[in-house]
C-alpha cells in the first residue's frame, strides 16, 4: 500500500490525506488521491469521517500540499489505530 501524507487544519477539525495512486502506469502522468475528512470526537479517539476524494496530477497535489502548509495546516501522523469500513 502506498504511503500516506496527512495534514490537519489549525483548529484541528479537518484533515487531508495525500496518497499516490499506486496503479499509475510508468511513463504516464502520475496521480495522487487527496481525501478530505472531518475530525469526529477527539483527535486520535476515532478515525476522521472521510467526506471527499479527488484524484489530481502529482504536480498539482504538491502545489495543494504546499499551499495548505502556507495557510497554517500542519503535518500530522495517523494517530488512530483503525479506519471504519
PDB file of N, CA and C in Angstrom:
ATOM      1  N   UNK A   1       0.841  -1.186   0.000  1.00  0.00           N
ATOM      2  CA  UNK A   1       0.000   0.000   0.000  1.00  0.00           C
ATOM      3  C   UNK A   1       0.885   1.248   0.000  1.00  0.00           C
ATOM      4  N   UNK A   2       0.460   2.260  -0.696  1.00  0.00           N
ATOM      5  CA  UNK A   2       1.234   3.492  -0.824  1.00  0.00           C
ATOM      6  C   UNK A   2       1.248   4.260   0.495  1.00  0.00           C
ATOM      7  N   UNK A   3       2.358   4.941   0.744  1.00  0.00           N
ATOM      8  CA  UNK A   3       2.492   5.761   1.941  1.00  0.00           C
ATOM      9  C   UNK A   3       1.558   6.964   1.836  1.00  0.00           C
ATOM     10  N   UNK A   4       0.989   7.348   2.968  1.00  0.00           N
ATOM     11  CA  UNK A   4       0.085   8.491   3.029  1.00  0.00           C
ATOM     12  C   UNK A   4       0.760   9.654   3.743  1.00  0.00           C
ATOM     13  N   UNK A   5       0.404  10.854   3.320  1.00  0.00           N
ATOM     14  CA  UNK A   5       0.884  12.076   3.945  1.00  0.00           C
ATOM     15  C   UNK A   5      -0.335  12.840   4.421  1.00  0.00           C
ATOM     16  N   UNK A   6      -0.358  13.172   5.706  1.00  0.00           N
ATOM     17  CA  UNK A   6      -1.527  13.782   6.332  1.00  0.00           C
ATOM     18  C   UNK A   6      -1.255  15.227   6.726  1.00  0.00           C
ATOM     19  N   UNK A   7      -2.286  16.065   6.577  1.00  0.00           N
ATOM     20  CA  UNK A   7      -2.266  17.443   7.071  1.00  0.00           C
ATOM     21  C   UNK A   7      -3.520  17.659   7.915  1.00  0.00           C
ATOM     22  N   UNK A   8      -3.408  18.557   8.904  1.00  0.00           N
ATOM     23  CA  UNK A   8      -4.560  18.921   9.728  1.00  0.00           C
ATOM     24  C   UNK A   8      -4.643  20.440   9.776  1.00  0.00           C
ATOM     25  N   UNK A   9      -5.881  20.965   9.771  1.00  0.00           N
ATOM     26  CA  UNK A   9      -6.020  22.421   9.788  1.00  0.00           C
ATOM     27  C   UNK A   9      -5.741  22.975  11.179  1.00  0.00           C
ATOM     28  N   UNK A  10      -5.622  24.288  11.281  1.00  0.00           N
ATOM     29  CA  UNK A  10      -5.172  24.919  12.524  1.00  0.00           C
ATOM     30  C   UNK A  10      -6.155  24.751  13.682  1.00  0.00           C
ATOM     31  N   UNK A  11      -7.448  24.623  13.396  1.00  0.00           N
ATOM     32  CA  UNK A  11      -8.389  24.425  14.505  1.00  0.00           C
ATOM     33  C   UNK A  11      -8.693  22.950  14.754  1.00  0.00           C
ATOM     34  N   UNK A  12      -7.917  22.074  14.095  1.00  0.00           N
ATOM     35  CA  UNK A  12      -7.943  20.631  14.321  1.00  0.00           C
ATOM     36  C   UNK A  12      -9.322  20.008  14.105  1.00  0.00           C
ATOM     37  N   UNK A  13     -10.016  20.495  13.066  1.00  0.00           N
ATOM     38  CA  UNK A  13     -11.345  19.968  12.767  1.00  0.00           C
ATOM     39  C   UNK A  13     -11.392  19.212  11.440  1.00  0.00           C
ATOM     40  N   UNK A  14     -10.347  19.348  10.617  1.00  0.00           N
ATOM     41  CA  UNK A  14     -10.353  18.754   9.284  1.00  0.00           C
ATOM     42  C   UNK A  14      -8.960  18.218   8.956  1.00  0.00           C
ATOM     43  N   UNK A  15      -8.929  17.104   8.239  1.00  0.00           N
ATOM     44  CA  UNK A  15      -7.665  16.523   7.785  1.00  0.00           C
ATOM     45  C   UNK A  15      -7.715  16.322   6.281  1.00  0.00           C
ATOM     46  N   UNK A  16      -6.525  16.247   5.693  1.00  0.00           N
ATOM     47  CA  UNK A  16      -6.392  15.867   4.287  1.00  0.00           C
ATOM     48  C   UNK A  16      -5.325  14.786   4.230  1.00  0.00           C
ATOM     49  N   UNK A  17      -5.608  13.753   3.442  1.00  0.00           N
ATOM     50  CA  UNK A  17      -4.671  12.649   3.256  1.00  0.00           C
ATOM     51  C   UNK A  17      -4.264  12.616   1.790  1.00  0.00           C
ATOM     52  N   UNK A  18      -2.975  12.631   1.537  1.00  0.00           N
ATOM     53  CA  UNK A  18      -2.416  12.569   0.197  1.00  0.00           C
ATOM     54  C   UNK A  18      -1.797  11.188   0.012  1.00  0.00           C
ATOM     55  N   UNK A  19      -2.256  10.457  -1.002  1.00  0.00           N
ATOM     56  CA  UNK A  19      -1.769   9.107  -1.270  1.00  0.00           C
ATOM     57  C   UNK A  19      -1.515   8.964  -2.756  1.00  0.00           C
ATOM     58  N   UNK A  20      -0.312   8.479  -3.109  1.00  0.00           N
ATOM     59  CA  UNK A  20      -0.007   8.268  -4.519  1.00  0.00           C
ATOM     60  C   UNK A  20      -0.841   7.107  -5.046  1.00  0.00           C
ATOM     61  N   UNK A  21      -1.383   7.286  -6.234  1.00  0.00           N
ATOM     62  CA  UNK A  21      -2.124   6.221  -6.894  1.00  0.00           C
ATOM     63  C   UNK A  21      -1.114   5.172  -7.337  1.00  0.00           C
ATOM     64  N   UNK A  22      -1.071   4.043  -6.628  1.00  0.00           N
ATOM     65  CA  UNK A  22      -0.066   3.031  -6.952  1.00  0.00           C
ATOM     66  C   UNK A  22      -0.424   2.226  -8.194  1.00  0.00           C
ATOM     67  N   UNK A  23      -1.544   2.542  -8.818  1.00  0.00           N
ATOM     68  CA  UNK A  23      -1.920   1.888 -10.071  1.00  0.00           C
ATOM     69  C   UNK A  23      -1.528   2.738 -11.284  1.00  0.00           C
ATOM     70  N   UNK A  24      -0.820   3.869 -11.028  1.00  0.00           N
ATOM     71  CA  UNK A  24      -0.352   4.706 -12.128  1.00  0.00           C
ATOM     72  C   UNK A  24       0.602   3.903 -13.000  1.00  0.00           C
ATOM     73  N   UNK A  25       0.536   4.118 -14.303  1.00  0.00           N
ATOM     74  CA  UNK A  25       1.401   3.423 -15.252  1.00  0.00           C
ATOM     75  C   UNK A  25       2.677   4.248 -15.430  1.00  0.00           C
ATOM     76  N   UNK A  26       3.829   3.587 -15.344  1.00  0.00           N
ATOM     77  CA  UNK A  26       5.096   4.298 -15.535  1.00  0.00           C
ATOM     78  C   UNK A  26       5.120   4.967 -16.897  1.00  0.00           C
ATOM     79  N   UNK A  27       5.666   6.185 -16.938  1.00  0.00           N
ATOM     80  CA  UNK A  27       5.785   6.910 -18.188  1.00  0.00           C
ATOM     81  C   UNK A  27       4.539   7.709 -18.539  1.00  0.00           C
ATOM     82  N   UNK A  28       3.489   7.540 -17.754  1.00  0.00           N
ATOM     83  CA  UNK A  28       2.244   8.282 -17.956  1.00  0.00           C
ATOM     84  C   UNK A  28       2.104   9.211 -16.751  1.00  0.00           C
ATOM     85  N   UNK A  29       1.245  10.197 -16.847  1.00  0.00           N
ATOM     86  CA  UNK A  29       1.055  11.109 -15.724  1.00  0.00           C
ATOM     87  C   UNK A  29       0.786  10.332 -14.445  1.00  0.00           C
ATOM     88  N   UNK A  30       1.449  10.747 -13.376  1.00  0.00           N
ATOM     89  CA  UNK A  30       1.215  10.128 -12.075  1.00  0.00           C
ATOM     90  C   UNK A  30       0.146  10.937 -11.345  1.00  0.00           C
ATOM     91  N   UNK A  31      -0.679  10.248 -10.592  1.00  0.00           N
ATOM     92  CA  UNK A  31      -1.779  10.879  -9.880  1.00  0.00           C
ATOM     93  C   UNK A  31      -1.691  10.625  -8.393  1.00  0.00           C
ATOM     94  N   UNK A  32      -2.282  11.531  -7.632  1.00  0.00           N
ATOM     95  CA  UNK A  32      -2.418  11.355  -6.183  1.00  0.00           C
ATOM     96  C   UNK A  32      -3.885  11.497  -5.838  1.00  0.00           C
ATOM     97  N   UNK A  33      -4.291  10.742  -4.837  1.00  0.00           N
ATOM     98  CA  UNK A  33      -5.614  10.904  -4.265  1.00  0.00           C
ATOM     99  C   UNK A  33      -5.492  11.873  -3.098  1.00  0.00           C
ATOM    100  N   UNK A  34      -6.423  12.816  -3.023  1.00  0.00           N
ATOM    101  CA  UNK A  34      -6.494  13.717  -1.881  1.00  0.00           C
ATOM    102  C   UNK A  34      -7.848  13.467  -1.226  1.00  0.00           C
ATOM    103  N   UNK A  35      -7.802  12.901  -0.022  1.00  0.00           N
ATOM    104  CA  UNK A  35      -9.014  12.628   0.750  1.00  0.00           C
ATOM    105  C   UNK A  35      -9.178  13.730   1.775  1.00  0.00           C
ATOM    106  N   UNK A  36     -10.411  14.178   1.970  1.00  0.00           N
ATOM    107  CA  UNK A  36     -10.722  15.182   2.976  1.00  0.00           C
ATOM    108  C   UNK A  36     -11.613  14.539   4.020  1.00  0.00           C
ATOM    109  N   UNK A  37     -11.335  14.829   5.295  1.00  0.00           N
ATOM    110  CA  UNK A  37     -12.132  14.244   6.363  1.00  0.00           C
ATOM    111  C   UNK A  37     -12.330  15.209   7.513  1.00  0.00           C
ATOM    112  N   UNK A  38     -13.398  14.977   8.248  1.00  0.00           N
ATOM    113  CA  UNK A  38     -13.728  15.769   9.437  1.00  0.00           C
ATOM    114  C   UNK A  38     -13.340  14.975  10.677  1.00  0.00           C
ATOM    115  N   UNK A  39     -12.746  15.661  11.653  1.00  0.00           N
ATOM    116  CA  UNK A  39     -12.413  15.019  12.922  1.00  0.00           C
ATOM    117  C   UNK A  39     -13.714  14.846  13.710  1.00  0.00           C
ATOM    118  N   UNK A  40     -13.961  13.639  14.158  1.00  0.00           N
ATOM    119  CA  UNK A  40     -15.135  13.345  14.988  1.00  0.00           C
ATOM    120  C   UNK A  40     -14.622  12.920  16.355  1.00  0.00           C
ATOM    121  N   UNK A  41     -15.240  13.433  17.404  1.00  0.00           N
ATOM    122  CA  UNK A  41     -14.712  13.154  18.739  1.00  0.00           C
ATOM    123  C   UNK A  41     -13.389  13.871  18.901  1.00  0.00           C
ATOM    124  N   UNK A  42     -12.532  13.358  19.734  1.00  0.00           N
ATOM    125  CA  UNK A  42     -11.210  13.952  19.926  1.00  0.00           C
ATOM    126  C   UNK A  42     -10.222  13.364  18.942  1.00  0.00           C
ATOM    127  N   UNK A  43      -9.221  14.140  18.588  1.00  0.00           N
ATOM    128  CA  UNK A  43      -8.185  13.678  17.669  1.00  0.00           C
ATOM    129  C   UNK A  43      -7.523  12.438  18.257  1.00  0.00           C
ATOM    130  N   UNK A  44      -7.500  11.377  17.494  1.00  0.00           N
ATOM    131  CA  UNK A  44      -6.886  10.146  17.938  1.00  0.00           C
ATOM    132  C   UNK A  44      -7.854   9.159  18.550  1.00  0.00           C
ATOM    133  N   UNK A  45      -9.039   9.634  18.936  1.00  0.00           N
ATOM    134  CA  UNK A  45     -10.025   8.725  19.528  1.00  0.00           C
ATOM    135  C   UNK A  45     -10.712   7.878  18.471  1.00  0.00           C
ATOM    136  N   UNK A  46     -11.062   8.502  17.368  1.00  0.00           N
ATOM    137  CA  UNK A  46     -11.725   7.809  16.267  1.00  0.00           C
ATOM    138  C   UNK A  46     -11.137   8.303  14.958  1.00  0.00           C
ATOM    139  N   UNK A  47     -11.184   7.479  13.920  1.00  0.00           N
ATOM    140  CA  UNK A  47     -10.698   7.949  12.621  1.00  0.00           C
ATOM    141  C   UNK A  47     -11.583   9.078  12.103  1.00  0.00           C
ATOM    142  N   UNK A  48     -11.031   9.947  11.274  1.00  0.00           N
ATOM    143  CA  UNK A  48     -11.852  11.028  10.725  1.00  0.00           C
ATOM    144  C   UNK A  48     -12.928  10.462   9.798  1.00  0.00           C
ATOM    145  N   UNK A  49     -14.008  11.196   9.693  1.00  0.00           N
ATOM    146  CA  UNK A  49     -15.079  10.849   8.769  1.00  0.00           C
ATOM    147  C   UNK A  49     -14.692  11.403   7.405  1.00  0.00           C
ATOM    148  N   UNK A  50     -14.292  10.519   6.487  1.00  0.00           N
ATOM    149  CA  UNK A  50     -13.828  10.959   5.176  1.00  0.00           C
ATOM    150  C   UNK A  50     -15.040  11.371   4.338  1.00  0.00           C
ATOM    151  N   UNK A  51     -14.994  12.582   3.797  1.00  0.00           N
ATOM    152  CA  UNK A  51     -16.156  13.154   3.120  1.00  0.00           C
ATOM    153  C   UNK A  51     -15.964  13.353   1.625  1.00  0.00           C
ATOM    154  N   UNK A  52     -14.711  13.367   1.156  1.00  0.00           N
ATOM    155  CA  UNK A  52     -14.477  13.684  -0.244  1.00  0.00           C
ATOM    156  C   UNK A  52     -13.130  13.121  -0.690  1.00  0.00           C
ATOM    157  N   UNK A  53     -13.067  12.658  -1.926  1.00  0.00           N
ATOM    158  CA  UNK A  53     -11.807  12.206  -2.523  1.00  0.00           C
ATOM    159  C   UNK A  53     -11.710  12.752  -3.935  1.00  0.00           C
ATOM    160  N   UNK A  54     -10.541  13.307  -4.260  1.00  0.00           N
ATOM    161  CA  UNK A  54     -10.285  13.752  -5.627  1.00  0.00           C
ATOM    162  C   UNK A  54      -8.973  13.130  -6.079  1.00  0.00           C
ATOM    163  N   UNK A  55      -8.823  12.998  -7.383  1.00  0.00           N
ATOM    164  CA  UNK A  55      -7.589  12.495  -7.983  1.00  0.00           C
ATOM    165  C   UNK A  55      -7.017  13.598  -8.846  1.00  0.00           C
ATOM    166  N   UNK A  56      -5.758  13.972  -8.570  1.00  0.00           N
ATOM    167  CA  UNK A  56      -5.127  15.059  -9.316  1.00  0.00           C
ATOM    168  C   UNK A  56      -3.725  14.628  -9.730  1.00  0.00           C
ATOM    169  N   UNK A  57      -3.189  15.297 -10.754  1.00  0.00           N
ATOM    170  CA  UNK A  57      -1.819  15.022 -11.168  1.00  0.00           C
ATOM    171  C   UNK A  57      -0.883  15.342 -10.011  1.00  0.00           C
ATOM    172  N   UNK A  58       0.201  14.604  -9.942  1.00  0.00           N
ATOM    173  CA  UNK A  58       1.107  14.689  -8.798  1.00  0.00           C
ATOM    174  C   UNK A  58       1.670  16.096  -8.601  1.00  0.00           C
ATOM    175  N   UNK A  59       1.940  16.826  -9.673  1.00  0.00           N
ATOM    176  CA  UNK A  59       2.461  18.194  -9.532  1.00  0.00           C
ATOM    177  C   UNK A  59       1.428  19.115  -8.884  1.00  0.00           C
ATOM    178  N   UNK A  60       0.168  18.964  -9.269  1.00  0.00           N
ATOM    179  CA  UNK A  60      -0.893  19.766  -8.656  1.00  0.00           C
ATOM    180  C   UNK A  60      -1.066  19.384  -7.188  1.00  0.00           C
ATOM    181  N   UNK A  61      -0.968  18.102  -6.871  1.00  0.00           N
ATOM    182  CA  UNK A  61      -1.082  17.659  -5.477  1.00  0.00           C
ATOM    183  C   UNK A  61       0.015  18.301  -4.629  1.00  0.00           C
ATOM    184  N   UNK A  62       1.228  18.375  -5.175  1.00  0.00           N
ATOM    185  CA  UNK A  62       2.329  19.021  -4.447  1.00  0.00           C
ATOM    186  C   UNK A  62       2.032  20.498  -4.204  1.00  0.00           C
ATOM    187  N   UNK A  63       1.479  21.177  -5.219  1.00  0.00           N
ATOM    188  CA  UNK A  63       1.129  22.595  -5.069  1.00  0.00           C
ATOM    189  C   UNK A  63       0.062  22.773  -3.980  1.00  0.00           C
ATOM    190  N   UNK A  64      -0.947  21.923  -3.995  1.00  0.00           N
ATOM    191  CA  UNK A  64      -2.016  22.000  -2.987  1.00  0.00           C
ATOM    192  C   UNK A  64      -1.438  21.769  -1.599  1.00  0.00           C
ATOM    193  N   UNK A  65      -0.590  20.755  -1.469  1.00  0.00           N
ATOM    194  CA  UNK A  65       0.038  20.422  -0.185  1.00  0.00           C
ATOM    195  C   UNK A  65       0.824  21.616   0.355  1.00  0.00           C
ATOM    196  N   UNK A  66       1.658  22.203  -0.489  1.00  0.00           N
ATOM    197  CA  UNK A  66       2.466  23.352  -0.075  1.00  0.00           C
ATOM    198  C   UNK A  66       1.591  24.569   0.250  1.00  0.00           C
ATOM    199  N   UNK A  67       0.541  24.783  -0.531  1.00  0.00           N
ATOM    200  CA  UNK A  67      -0.362  25.910  -0.269  1.00  0.00           C
ATOM    201  C   UNK A  67      -1.059  25.742   1.082  1.00  0.00           C
ATOM    202  N   UNK A  68      -1.510  24.520   1.383  1.00  0.00           N
ATOM    203  CA  UNK A  68      -2.155  24.276   2.675  1.00  0.00           C
ATOM    204  C   UNK A  68      -1.180  24.526   3.823  1.00  0.00           C
ATOM    205  N   UNK A  69       0.068  24.085   3.688  1.00  0.00           N
ATOM    206  CA  UNK A  69       1.071  24.348   4.725  1.00  0.00           C
ATOM    207  C   UNK A  69       1.247  25.849   4.934  1.00  0.00           C
ATOM    208  N   UNK A  70       1.276  26.612   3.840  1.00  0.00           N
ATOM    209  CA  UNK A  70       1.457  28.059   3.953  1.00  0.00           C
ATOM    210  C   UNK A  70       0.234  28.746   4.564  1.00  0.00           C
ATOM    211  N   UNK A  71      -0.919  28.069   4.542  1.00  0.00           N
ATOM    212  CA  UNK A  71      -2.152  28.622   5.114  1.00  0.00           C
ATOM    213  C   UNK A  71      -2.367  28.180   6.561  1.00  0.00           C
ATOM    214  N   UNK A  72      -1.374  27.530   7.155  1.00  0.00           N
ATOM    215  CA  UNK A  72      -1.478  27.173   8.566  1.00  0.00           C
ATOM    216  C   UNK A  72      -1.781  25.713   8.863  1.00  0.00           C
ATOM    217  N   UNK A  73      -1.950  24.896   7.830  1.00  0.00           N
ATOM    218  CA  UNK A  73      -2.134  23.468   8.057  1.00  0.00           C
ATOM    219  C   UNK A  73      -0.806  22.898   8.548  1.00  0.00           C
ATOM    220  N   UNK A  74      -0.873  21.796   9.296  1.00  0.00           N
ATOM    221  CA  UNK A  74       0.325  21.167   9.851  1.00  0.00           C
ATOM    222  C   UNK A  74       0.405  19.710   9.437  1.00  0.00           C
ATOM    223  N   UNK A  75       1.638  19.220   9.333  1.00  0.00           N
ATOM    224  CA  UNK A  75       1.837  17.798   9.068  1.00  0.00           C
ATOM    225  C   UNK A  75       1.457  17.020  10.320  1.00  0.00           C
ATOM    226  N   UNK A  76       0.872  15.858  10.116  1.00  0.00           N
ATOM    227  CA  UNK A  76       0.465  15.024  11.240  1.00  0.00           C
ATOM    228  C   UNK A  76       0.644  13.563  10.846  1.00  0.00           C
ATOM    229  N   UNK A  77       0.953  12.747  11.816  1.00  0.00           N
ATOM    230  CA  UNK A  77       0.989  11.302  11.593  1.00  0.00           C
ATOM    231  C   UNK A  77      -0.403  10.760  11.870  1.00  0.00           C
ATOM    232  N   UNK A  78      -0.745   9.659  11.235  1.00  0.00           N
ATOM    233  CA  UNK A  78      -2.008   8.994  11.504  1.00  0.00           C
ATOM    234  C   UNK A  78      -1.978   8.539  12.961  1.00  0.00           C
ATOM    235  N   UNK A  79      -2.921   9.021  13.776  1.00  0.00           N
ATOM    236  CA  UNK A  79      -2.880   8.738  15.212  1.00  0.00           C
ATOM    237  C   UNK A  79      -3.969   7.783  15.684  1.00  0.00           C
ATOM    238  N   UNK A  80      -4.861   7.389  14.806  1.00  0.00           N
ATOM    239  CA  UNK A  80      -5.904   6.439  15.193  1.00  0.00           C
ATOM    240  C   UNK A  80      -5.463   5.053  14.751  1.00  0.00           C
ATOM    241  N   UNK A  81      -5.993   4.046  15.394  1.00  0.00           N
ATOM    242  CA  UNK A  81      -5.494   2.692  15.131  1.00  0.00           C
ATOM    243  C   UNK A  81      -6.213   1.963  14.024  1.00  0.00           C
ATOM    244  N   UNK A  82      -7.471   2.260  13.804  1.00  0.00           N
ATOM    245  CA  UNK A  82      -8.153   1.566  12.717  1.00  0.00           C
ATOM    246  C   UNK A  82      -9.158   2.478  12.050  1.00  0.00           C
ATOM    247  N   UNK A  83      -9.388   2.228  10.773  1.00  0.00           N
ATOM    248  CA  UNK A  83     -10.333   3.026   9.987  1.00  0.00           C
ATOM    249  C   UNK A  83     -11.665   2.307   9.971  1.00  0.00           C
ATOM    250  N   UNK A  84     -12.746   3.076   9.901  1.00  0.00           N
ATOM    251  CA  UNK A  84     -14.068   2.472   9.725  1.00  0.00           C
ATOM    252  C   UNK A  84     -14.178   1.963   8.307  1.00  0.00           C
ATOM    253  N   UNK A  85     -14.876   0.854   8.135  1.00  0.00           N
ATOM    254  CA  UNK A  85     -15.024   0.301   6.779  1.00  0.00           C
ATOM    255  C   UNK A  85     -16.249   0.826   6.098  1.00  0.00           C
TER     256      UNK A  85
END
